[in-house]
Amino acid sequence: APMVAGAAAILKSCGVPLDQIESTLRTSANVTVPFPDATSAKRLDLYRALAQVNHPPTGVALSNTSIDENTNTSAGFEVGTLSAIDADTCDKHAYSKVGGADAASFSIGGANNDRLILTAGMLNFEAKPGYSVIIRVTDAFGAVFDQTLTVTVNDVDEPPTGSPSITGTRTVGQRLTANTIPVVNPDAWAISTYQWRR
């Protein structure tokens, strides 16, 4: 009875619904455990019990999904931490890159191999506002789920470059003309204004 109670508690902690715990314990195979005195006893195989009621992952989440432009990712920039969406709360998960438009710019690393890393040089919103990759999560029993993740490049307000050129005689009563063509604003949405200064 203590063994069954303990097994039931483990199944419950792993997200198995209460109405499934009893049937799972009744139908799960036992394993024979040998002891040093040459005797043995039947014990419940919890791995098989959990495999019997395993749910596949249903999604992959990323703790952060955006990076400011002008960030240099040449050495590998850690975007965020991957996590699985899974009804089985004590399941273990592994992550791998399986495709996506920008798969070549991504890798997975970190101490637990759950950090999404972007390596795409200096980020520029005007040139490329986002990067996409497909991440596969695999649980301890081999069930998989593929999720498309997009990392957005944040548009940062950048100052214009260049200087306007002035033509005309700078005397009282004379008209001066400003040529603003040399002024370039990297932010296409921005409106530049000009002011005469002495």
C-alpha atoms as a PDB file:
ATOM      1  CA  ALA A   1       0.000   0.000   0.000  1.00  0.00           C
ATOM      2  CA  PRO A   2       2.762   2.565   0.763  1.00  0.00           C
ATOM      3  CA  MET A   3       4.337   1.787  -2.621  1.00  0.00           C
ATOM      4  CA  VAL A   4       1.025   2.361  -4.412  1.00  0.00           C
ATOM      5  CA  ALA A   5       0.330   5.529  -2.429  1.00  0.00           C
ATOM      6  CA  GLY A   6       3.785   6.855  -3.268  1.00  0.00           C
ATOM      7  CA  ALA A   7       3.352   6.035  -6.939  1.00  0.00           C
ATOM      8  CA  ALA A   8      -0.049   7.735  -6.970  1.00  0.00           C
ATOM      9  CA  ALA A   9       1.469  10.860  -5.428  1.00  0.00           C
ATOM     10  CA  ILE A  10       4.184  10.950  -8.091  1.00  0.00           C
ATOM     11  CA  LEU A  11       1.641  10.533 -10.902  1.00  0.00           C
ATOM     12  CA  LYS A  12      -0.500  13.301  -9.427  1.00  0.00           C
ATOM     13  CA  SER A  13       2.505  15.641  -9.147  1.00  0.00           C
ATOM     14  CA  CYS A  14       3.238  14.997 -12.827  1.00  0.00           C
ATOM     15  CA  GLY A  15      -0.164  16.234 -13.914  1.00  0.00           C
ATOM     16  CA  VAL A  16      -1.978  12.898 -14.345  1.00  0.00           C
ATOM     17  CA  PRO A  17      -5.725  13.488 -13.737  1.00  0.00           C
ATOM     18  CA  LEU A  18      -7.075  11.857 -10.595  1.00  0.00           C
ATOM     19  CA  ASP A  19      -9.586   9.770 -12.561  1.00  0.00           C
ATOM     20  CA  GLN A  20      -6.714   8.183 -14.518  1.00  0.00           C
ATOM     21  CA  ILE A  21      -4.336   7.386 -11.663  1.00  0.00           C
ATOM     22  CA  GLU A  22      -6.054   4.216 -10.430  1.00  0.00           C
ATOM     23  CA  SER A  23      -6.458   2.718 -13.903  1.00  0.00           C
ATOM     24  CA  THR A  24      -2.840   3.584 -14.714  1.00  0.00           C
ATOM     25  CA  LEU A  25      -1.577   1.806 -11.585  1.00  0.00           C
ATOM     26  CA  ARG A  26      -3.716  -1.252 -12.307  1.00  0.00           C
ATOM     27  CA  THR A  27      -2.552  -1.644 -15.909  1.00  0.00           C
ATOM     28  CA  SER A  28       1.119  -0.629 -15.609  1.00  0.00           C
ATOM     29  CA  ALA A  29       3.613  -3.469 -15.693  1.00  0.00           C
ATOM     30  CA  ASN A  30       5.722  -4.268 -12.650  1.00  0.00           C
ATOM     31  CA  VAL A  31       9.455  -4.882 -12.667  1.00  0.00           C
ATOM     32  CA  THR A  32      11.357  -7.365 -10.529  1.00  0.00           C
ATOM     33  CA  VAL A  33      13.887  -5.713  -8.237  1.00  0.00           C
ATOM     34  CA  PRO A  34      16.699  -7.983  -6.932  1.00  0.00           C
ATOM     35  CA  PHE A  35      18.082  -7.564  -3.402  1.00  0.00           C
ATOM     36  CA  PRO A  36      21.594  -8.374  -2.021  1.00  0.00           C
ATOM     37  CA  ASP A  37      20.274 -11.431  -0.143  1.00  0.00           C
ATOM     38  CA  ALA A  38      19.267 -13.020  -3.473  1.00  0.00           C
ATOM     39  CA  THR A  39      15.570 -12.369  -2.908  1.00  0.00           C
ATOM     40  CA  SER A  40      13.486 -10.119  -5.122  1.00  0.00           C
ATOM     41  CA  ALA A  41      10.199  -8.250  -5.133  1.00  0.00           C
ATOM     42  CA  LYS A  42       7.787  -6.726  -7.599  1.00  0.00           C
ATOM     43  CA  ARG A  43       7.842  -2.959  -7.879  1.00  0.00           C
ATOM     44  CA  LEU A  44       5.794  -0.598  -9.969  1.00  0.00           C
ATOM     45  CA  ASP A  45       7.622   0.688 -13.067  1.00  0.00           C
ATOM     46  CA  LEU A  46       6.875   4.408 -12.813  1.00  0.00           C
ATOM     47  CA  TYR A  47       8.512   5.109 -16.158  1.00  0.00           C
ATOM     48  CA  ARG A  48       6.052   2.798 -17.902  1.00  0.00           C
ATOM     49  CA  ALA A  49       3.197   4.233 -15.865  1.00  0.00           C
ATOM     50  CA  LEU A  50       4.054   7.775 -16.944  1.00  0.00           C
ATOM     51  CA  ALA A  51       4.626   6.688 -20.543  1.00  0.00           C
ATOM     52  CA  GLN A  52       1.155   5.168 -20.561  1.00  0.00           C
ATOM     53  CA  VAL A  53      -0.489   8.543 -19.814  1.00  0.00           C
ATOM     54  CA  ASN A  54       2.059  10.779 -21.506  1.00  0.00           C
ATOM     55  CA  HIS A  55       0.797  13.880 -23.317  1.00  0.00           C
ATOM     56  CA  PRO A  56       2.862  15.318 -26.177  1.00  0.00           C
ATOM     57  CA  PRO A  57       4.058  18.925 -25.870  1.00  0.00           C
ATOM     58  CA  THR A  58       1.675  21.470 -27.404  1.00  0.00           C
ATOM     59  CA  GLY A  59       3.970  24.451 -27.853  1.00  0.00           C
ATOM     60  CA  VAL A  60       7.303  26.158 -27.301  1.00  0.00           C
ATOM     61  CA  ALA A  61       7.609  29.514 -25.532  1.00  0.00           C
ATOM     62  CA  LEU A  62      10.502  31.986 -25.608  1.00  0.00           C
ATOM     63  CA  SER A  63      11.131  34.267 -22.626  1.00  0.00           C
ATOM     64  CA  ASN A  64      12.099  37.232 -24.837  1.00  0.00           C
ATOM     65  CA  THR A  65      11.145  37.834 -28.473  1.00  0.00           C
ATOM     66  CA  SER A  66      12.686  41.190 -29.412  1.00  0.00           C
ATOM     67  CA  ILE A  67      16.102  42.886 -29.681  1.00  0.00           C
ATOM     68  CA  ASP A  68      16.933  46.548 -30.344  1.00  0.00           C
ATOM     69  CA  GLU A  69      18.470  47.353 -33.698  1.00  0.00           C
ATOM     70  CA  ASN A  70      22.167  48.303 -33.697  1.00  0.00           C
ATOM     71  CA  THR A  71      22.808  45.331 -31.380  1.00  0.00           C
ATOM     72  CA  ASN A  72      25.901  43.448 -32.516  1.00  0.00           C
ATOM     73  CA  THR A  73      25.114  39.722 -32.522  1.00  0.00           C
ATOM     74  CA  SER A  74      28.298  38.654 -34.330  1.00  0.00           C
ATOM     75  CA  ALA A  75      29.589  36.728 -31.310  1.00  0.00           C
ATOM     76  CA  GLY A  76      26.207  35.123 -30.648  1.00  0.00           C
ATOM     77  CA  PHE A  77      23.466  36.992 -28.768  1.00  0.00           C
ATOM     78  CA  GLU A  78      21.320  35.109 -26.246  1.00  0.00           C
ATOM     79  CA  VAL A  79      17.746  36.041 -27.144  1.00  0.00           C
ATOM     80  CA  GLY A  80      15.945  34.175 -24.362  1.00  0.00           C
ATOM     81  CA  THR A  81      15.135  30.860 -22.691  1.00  0.00           C
ATOM     82  CA  LEU A  82      13.049  28.166 -24.375  1.00  0.00           C
ATOM     83  CA  SER A  83      10.347  26.340 -22.425  1.00  0.00           C
ATOM     84  CA  ALA A  84       7.844  23.654 -23.361  1.00  0.00           C
ATOM     85  CA  ILE A  85       4.077  23.912 -23.027  1.00  0.00           C
ATOM     86  CA  ASP A  86       3.175  20.467 -21.708  1.00  0.00           C
ATOM     87  CA  ALA A  87       0.361  19.099 -19.551  1.00  0.00           C
ATOM     88  CA  ASP A  88       2.838  16.705 -17.942  1.00  0.00           C
ATOM     89  CA  THR A  89       4.430  19.049 -15.435  1.00  0.00           C
ATOM     90  CA  CYS A  90       7.386  16.816 -14.493  1.00  0.00           C
ATOM     91  CA  ASP A  91       8.296  15.837 -18.059  1.00  0.00           C
ATOM     92  CA  LYS A  92      11.792  16.515 -19.403  1.00  0.00           C
ATOM     93  CA  HIS A  93      12.336  18.307 -22.701  1.00  0.00           C
ATOM     94  CA  ALA A  94      15.061  18.753 -25.306  1.00  0.00           C
ATOM     95  CA  TYR A  95      15.144  21.423 -28.014  1.00  0.00           C
ATOM     96  CA  SER A  96      16.497  21.369 -31.557  1.00  0.00           C
ATOM     97  CA  LYS A  97      16.466  23.614 -34.622  1.00  0.00           C
ATOM     98  CA  VAL A  98      14.637  22.001 -37.556  1.00  0.00           C
ATOM     99  CA  GLY A  99      14.087  24.795 -40.098  1.00  0.00           C
ATOM    100  CA  GLY A 100      12.732  28.264 -40.706  1.00  0.00           C
ATOM    101  CA  ALA A 101      13.532  31.154 -43.034  1.00  0.00           C
ATOM    102  CA  ASP A 102      16.508  32.281 -40.921  1.00  0.00           C
ATOM    103  CA  ALA A 103      17.548  28.964 -39.381  1.00  0.00           C
ATOM    104  CA  ALA A 104      21.196  29.536 -40.328  1.00  0.00           C
ATOM    105  CA  SER A 105      21.310  32.564 -38.009  1.00  0.00           C
ATOM    106  CA  PHE A 106      20.154  30.613 -34.933  1.00  0.00           C
ATOM    107  CA  SER A 107      21.617  28.045 -32.582  1.00  0.00           C
ATOM    108  CA  ILE A 108      20.654  26.516 -29.232  1.00  0.00           C
ATOM    109  CA  GLY A 109      23.080  26.603 -26.302  1.00  0.00           C
ATOM    110  CA  GLY A 110      23.455  27.520 -22.654  1.00  0.00           C
ATOM    111  CA  ALA A 111      24.153  25.285 -19.664  1.00  0.00           C
ATOM    112  CA  ASN A 112      20.861  23.426 -20.117  1.00  0.00           C
ATOM    113  CA  ASN A 113      20.751  23.642 -23.920  1.00  0.00           C
ATOM    114  CA  ASP A 114      17.591  25.733 -23.698  1.00  0.00           C
ATOM    115  CA  ARG A 115      18.843  29.183 -24.753  1.00  0.00           C
ATOM    116  CA  LEU A 116      18.044  30.515 -28.227  1.00  0.00           C
ATOM    117  CA  ILE A 117      21.072  32.306 -29.697  1.00  0.00           C
ATOM    118  CA  LEU A 118      21.036  34.663 -32.682  1.00  0.00           C
ATOM    119  CA  THR A 119      24.177  35.277 -34.743  1.00  0.00           C
ATOM    120  CA  ALA A 120      23.346  37.771 -37.494  1.00  0.00           C
ATOM    121  CA  GLY A 121      25.898  40.578 -37.241  1.00  0.00           C
ATOM    122  CA  MET A 122      24.739  44.139 -36.574  1.00  0.00           C
ATOM    123  CA  LEU A 123      20.937  44.253 -36.474  1.00  0.00           C
ATOM    124  CA  ASN A 124      19.256  46.850 -38.685  1.00  0.00           C
ATOM    125  CA  PHE A 125      15.476  47.254 -38.552  1.00  0.00           C
ATOM    126  CA  GLU A 126      15.353  49.066 -41.888  1.00  0.00           C
ATOM    127  CA  ALA A 127      17.162  46.177 -43.617  1.00  0.00           C
ATOM    128  CA  LYS A 128      15.538  43.246 -41.767  1.00  0.00           C
ATOM    129  CA  PRO A 129      12.851  43.731 -39.078  1.00  0.00           C
ATOM    130  CA  GLY A 130      12.707  40.123 -37.867  1.00  0.00           C
ATOM    131  CA  TYR A 131      14.213  36.618 -37.865  1.00  0.00           C
ATOM    132  CA  SER A 132      12.270  33.338 -37.965  1.00  0.00           C
ATOM    133  CA  VAL A 133      13.199  29.796 -36.920  1.00  0.00           C
ATOM    134  CA  ILE A 134      11.369  26.506 -36.290  1.00  0.00           C
ATOM    135  CA  ILE A 135      12.181  24.880 -32.937  1.00  0.00           C
ATOM    136  CA  ARG A 136      11.308  21.264 -32.117  1.00  0.00           C
ATOM    137  CA  VAL A 137      10.676  20.194 -28.526  1.00  0.00           C
ATOM    138  CA  THR A 138      10.967  16.481 -27.694  1.00  0.00           C
ATOM    139  CA  ASP A 139       9.733  15.109 -24.371  1.00  0.00           C
ATOM    140  CA  ALA A 140      11.214  12.228 -22.366  1.00  0.00           C
ATOM    141  CA  PHE A 141       9.026   9.688 -24.174  1.00  0.00           C
ATOM    142  CA  GLY A 142       9.856  10.879 -27.694  1.00  0.00           C
ATOM    143  CA  ALA A 143       6.733  12.950 -28.418  1.00  0.00           C
ATOM    144  CA  VAL A 144       7.514  16.095 -30.415  1.00  0.00           C
ATOM    145  CA  PHE A 145       6.045  19.469 -31.346  1.00  0.00           C
ATOM    146  CA  ASP A 146       7.396  21.989 -33.873  1.00  0.00           C
ATOM    147  CA  GLN A 147       6.938  25.705 -33.187  1.00  0.00           C
ATOM    148  CA  THR A 148       7.774  28.683 -35.402  1.00  0.00           C
ATOM    149  CA  LEU A 149       9.377  31.466 -33.366  1.00  0.00           C
ATOM    150  CA  THR A 150       9.981  35.009 -34.601  1.00  0.00           C
ATOM    151  CA  VAL A 151      12.487  37.397 -33.041  1.00  0.00           C
ATOM    152  CA  THR A 152      11.547  41.017 -33.761  1.00  0.00           C
ATOM    153  CA  VAL A 153      14.127  43.757 -34.288  1.00  0.00           C
ATOM    154  CA  ASN A 154      12.985  46.911 -32.493  1.00  0.00           C
ATOM    155  CA  ASP A 155      13.141  50.142 -34.491  1.00  0.00           C
ATOM    156  CA  VAL A 156      15.273  52.666 -32.587  1.00  0.00           C
ATOM    157  CA  ASP A 157      15.098  56.401 -33.344  1.00  0.00           C
ATOM    158  CA  GLU A 158      18.371  57.241 -35.096  1.00  0.00           C
ATOM    159  CA  PRO A 159      19.694  60.762 -35.826  1.00  0.00           C
ATOM    160  CA  PRO A 160      19.907  61.960 -39.443  1.00  0.00           C
ATOM    161  CA  THR A 161      23.312  62.132 -41.119  1.00  0.00           C
ATOM    162  CA  GLY A 162      24.746  64.745 -43.450  1.00  0.00           C
ATOM    163  CA  SER A 163      24.368  68.538 -43.511  1.00  0.00           C
ATOM    164  CA  PRO A 164      22.280  70.855 -45.719  1.00  0.00           C
ATOM    165  CA  SER A 165      24.191  73.181 -48.053  1.00  0.00           C
ATOM    166  CA  ILE A 166      23.365  76.939 -48.149  1.00  0.00           C
ATOM    167  CA  THR A 167      23.510  79.048 -51.329  1.00  0.00           C
ATOM    168  CA  GLY A 168      23.103  82.805 -51.625  1.00  0.00           C
ATOM    169  CA  THR A 169      24.707  85.919 -50.187  1.00  0.00           C
ATOM    170  CA  ARG A 170      24.367  86.089 -46.430  1.00  0.00           C
ATOM    171  CA  THR A 171      23.377  89.743 -46.221  1.00  0.00           C
ATOM    172  CA  VAL A 172      20.258  91.487 -44.988  1.00  0.00           C
ATOM    173  CA  GLY A 173      17.401  91.335 -47.500  1.00  0.00           C
ATOM    174  CA  GLN A 174      18.917  88.540 -49.584  1.00  0.00           C
ATOM    175  CA  ARG A 175      17.224  85.140 -50.094  1.00  0.00           C
ATOM    176  CA  LEU A 176      19.148  82.067 -49.017  1.00  0.00           C
ATOM    177  CA  THR A 177      18.396  78.597 -50.313  1.00  0.00           C
ATOM    178  CA  ALA A 178      18.958  75.411 -48.296  1.00  0.00           C
ATOM    179  CA  ASN A 179      19.641  72.161 -50.122  1.00  0.00           C
ATOM    180  CA  THR A 180      18.584  69.324 -47.797  1.00  0.00           C
ATOM    181  CA  ILE A 181      19.233  66.456 -50.240  1.00  0.00           C
ATOM    182  CA  PRO A 182      22.525  65.515 -48.488  1.00  0.00           C
ATOM    183  CA  VAL A 183      20.579  64.925 -45.241  1.00  0.00           C
ATOM    184  CA  VAL A 184      19.640  61.253 -44.817  1.00  0.00           C
ATOM    185  CA  ASN A 185      17.270  60.005 -42.114  1.00  0.00           C
ATOM    186  CA  PRO A 186      17.637  56.235 -41.606  1.00  0.00           C
ATOM    187  CA  ASP A 187      14.127  56.069 -40.113  1.00  0.00           C
ATOM    188  CA  ALA A 188      11.748  56.116 -43.073  1.00  0.00           C
ATOM    189  CA  TRP A 189       8.798  56.997 -40.834  1.00  0.00           C
ATOM    190  CA  ALA A 190      10.484  60.091 -39.340  1.00  0.00           C
ATOM    191  CA  ILE A 191       9.814  63.669 -40.505  1.00  0.00           C
ATOM    192  CA  SER A 192      12.815  65.996 -40.472  1.00  0.00           C
ATOM    193  CA  THR A 193      12.367  69.690 -39.650  1.00  0.00           C
ATOM    194  CA  TYR A 194      14.859  72.502 -40.250  1.00  0.00           C
ATOM    195  CA  GLN A 195      15.516  75.778 -38.461  1.00  0.00           C
ATOM    196  CA  TRP A 196      17.612  78.761 -39.481  1.00  0.00           C
ATOM    197  CA  ARG A 197      20.308  79.665 -36.982  1.00  0.00           C
ATOM    198  CA  ARG A 198      22.599  82.680 -36.973  1.00  0.00           C
END
